[in-house]
Amino acid sequence: MDAKQERLDDYELIDVPQWSQDQLDKMVREARASLAKELQIEFQAKTDQIKATHERVLNSKVIDLKSQHEVKIHEINRIHDKDVATLKAQVATLVKEQEGLKKQLAASKEAYKRIENRLANEFIKN
């Protein structure tokens, strides 16, 4: 034996199977299907993650908008209450003015009756 043959004897020979084209095609299809399934699972996981993030952002915006809405409602209610108080004060003033005008009208009617009576008395005298 020569040196080359001795070195080859040191290695264990393995049997490499010989596959038919159908077997190779089947293995390729299975590998593709497996990869496609893995990609689909990964894509679904990413989609779910994006949806969850989107939902959290939307919920945050909704909470922020609700808070802004509540602040505006409080502000509008405060302005409304202030306007109502002003209107009540104005109505009270108008009621007082009306009472004063009623008194003036009554006094004017009384004065008119006195003048009328005086004129009637003078007419009777003359």
Protein backbone atom coordinates (compact mmCIF):
# COMPACT_ATOMS: atom_id res chain seq x y z
CA MET A 1 0.00 0.00 0.00
CA ASP A 2 1.15 3.33 -0.81
CA ALA A 3 0.86 6.45 1.35
CA LYS A 4 -2.27 7.70 -0.36
CA GLN A 5 -4.12 4.50 0.28
CA GLU A 6 -3.11 4.50 3.94
CA ARG A 7 -4.51 8.03 4.39
CA LEU A 8 -7.81 6.98 2.79
CA ASP A 9 -8.05 4.05 5.14
CA ASP A 10 -7.99 6.47 8.06
CA TYR A 11 -11.34 7.90 6.97
CA GLU A 12 -14.64 6.16 7.35
CA LEU A 13 -16.53 6.04 4.13
CA ILE A 14 -20.15 7.08 4.33
CA ASP A 15 -22.84 5.98 2.01
CA VAL A 16 -24.43 8.94 0.21
CA PRO A 17 -27.94 8.04 -0.79
CA GLN A 18 -28.95 8.46 -4.36
CA TRP A 19 -32.32 10.20 -4.62
CA SER A 20 -34.58 10.19 -7.57
CA GLN A 21 -35.82 13.44 -9.08
CA ASP A 22 -39.27 12.78 -7.59
CA GLN A 23 -37.77 12.41 -4.14
CA LEU A 24 -35.75 15.61 -4.58
CA ASP A 25 -38.83 17.48 -5.84
CA LYS A 26 -40.81 16.20 -2.84
CA MET A 27 -38.08 17.34 -0.43
CA VAL A 28 -37.97 20.77 -2.08
CA ARG A 29 -41.78 21.09 -1.85
CA GLU A 30 -41.71 20.06 1.81
CA ALA A 31 -38.92 22.54 2.54
CA ARG A 32 -40.81 25.31 0.71
CA ALA A 33 -44.02 24.45 2.56
CA SER A 34 -42.17 24.45 5.87
CA LEU A 35 -40.56 27.82 5.08
CA ALA A 36 -43.86 29.24 3.88
CA LYS A 37 -45.53 28.10 7.11
CA GLU A 38 -42.73 29.62 9.21
CA LEU A 39 -42.97 32.88 7.26
CA GLN A 40 -46.75 32.89 7.63
CA ILE A 41 -46.44 32.37 11.39
CA GLU A 42 -43.81 35.12 11.61
CA PHE A 43 -45.95 37.43 9.46
CA GLN A 44 -49.01 36.74 11.62
CA ALA A 45 -46.98 37.45 14.76
CA LYS A 46 -45.77 40.76 13.27
CA THR A 47 -49.32 41.61 12.17
CA ASP A 48 -50.64 40.87 15.67
CA GLN A 49 -47.87 42.97 17.19
CA ILE A 50 -48.64 45.89 14.85
CA LYS A 51 -52.36 45.59 15.59
CA ALA A 52 -51.68 45.59 19.33
CA THR A 53 -49.42 48.63 19.02
CA HIS A 54 -51.99 50.38 16.84
CA GLU A 55 -54.73 49.59 19.37
CA ARG A 56 -52.61 50.91 22.25
CA VAL A 57 -51.93 54.13 20.32
CA LEU A 58 -55.63 54.51 19.49
CA ASN A 59 -56.63 53.86 23.09
CA SER A 60 -54.10 56.44 24.23
CA LYS A 61 -55.49 58.96 21.75
CA VAL A 62 -59.06 58.18 22.83
CA ILE A 63 -58.13 58.70 26.47
CA ASP A 64 -56.39 61.97 25.55
CA LEU A 65 -59.40 63.14 23.54
CA LYS A 66 -61.76 62.19 26.38
CA SER A 67 -59.60 64.16 28.79
CA GLN A 68 -59.59 67.18 26.47
CA HIS A 69 -63.35 66.82 26.03
CA GLU A 70 -63.89 66.73 29.79
CA VAL A 71 -61.74 69.85 30.21
CA LYS A 72 -63.75 71.64 27.53
CA ILE A 73 -67.04 70.52 29.11
CA HIS A 74 -65.85 71.82 32.48
CA GLU A 75 -64.81 75.10 30.86
CA ILE A 76 -68.13 75.44 29.00
CA ASN A 77 -70.06 74.63 32.20
CA ARG A 78 -68.06 77.26 34.08
CA ILE A 79 -68.80 79.85 31.38
CA HIS A 80 -72.46 78.77 31.33
CA ASP A 81 -72.73 79.08 35.11
CA LYS A 82 -71.14 82.53 34.94
CA ASP A 83 -73.55 83.57 32.16
CA VAL A 84 -76.53 82.19 34.12
CA ALA A 85 -75.44 84.14 37.20
CA THR A 86 -75.11 87.32 35.11
CA LEU A 87 -78.53 86.76 33.55
CA LYS A 88 -80.09 86.14 36.97
CA ALA A 89 -78.60 89.41 38.22
CA GLN A 90 -79.92 91.21 35.13
CA VAL A 91 -83.39 89.68 35.60
CA ALA A 92 -83.37 90.72 39.26
CA THR A 93 -82.44 94.27 38.20
CA LEU A 94 -85.20 94.29 35.58
CA VAL A 95 -87.73 93.03 38.14
CA LYS A 96 -86.72 95.84 40.51
CA GLU A 97 -86.98 98.36 37.67
CA GLN A 98 -90.39 96.93 36.76
CA GLU A 99 -91.56 97.29 40.36
CA GLY A 100 -90.29 100.87 40.37
CA LEU A 101 -92.09 101.58 37.11
CA LYS A 102 -95.29 100.03 38.48
CA LYS A 103 -95.03 102.33 41.52
CA GLN A 104 -94.42 105.31 39.23
CA LEU A 105 -97.41 104.30 37.10
CA ALA A 106 -99.59 103.97 40.18
CA ALA A 107 -98.38 107.35 41.43
CA SER A 108 -98.99 108.88 38.00
CA LYS A 109 -102.51 107.42 37.91
CA GLU A 110 -103.15 108.79 41.39
CA ALA A 111 -101.82 112.19 40.36
CA TYR A 112 -103.95 112.08 37.20
CA LYS A 113 -107.05 111.29 39.27
CA ARG A 114 -106.28 114.20 41.62
CA ILE A 115 -105.78 116.55 38.69
CA GLU A 116 -108.96 115.26 37.10
CA ASN A 117 -110.85 115.74 40.35
CA ARG A 118 -109.41 119.23 40.79
CA LEU A 119 -110.39 120.16 37.25
CA ALA A 120 -113.85 118.74 37.80
CA ASN A 121 -114.19 120.72 41.02
CA GLU A 122 -113.06 123.93 39.33
CA PHE A 123 -115.42 123.29 36.44
CA ILE A 124 -118.26 122.83 38.89
CA LYS A 125 -117.30 126.04 40.71
CA ASN A 126 -117.20 128.03 37.51
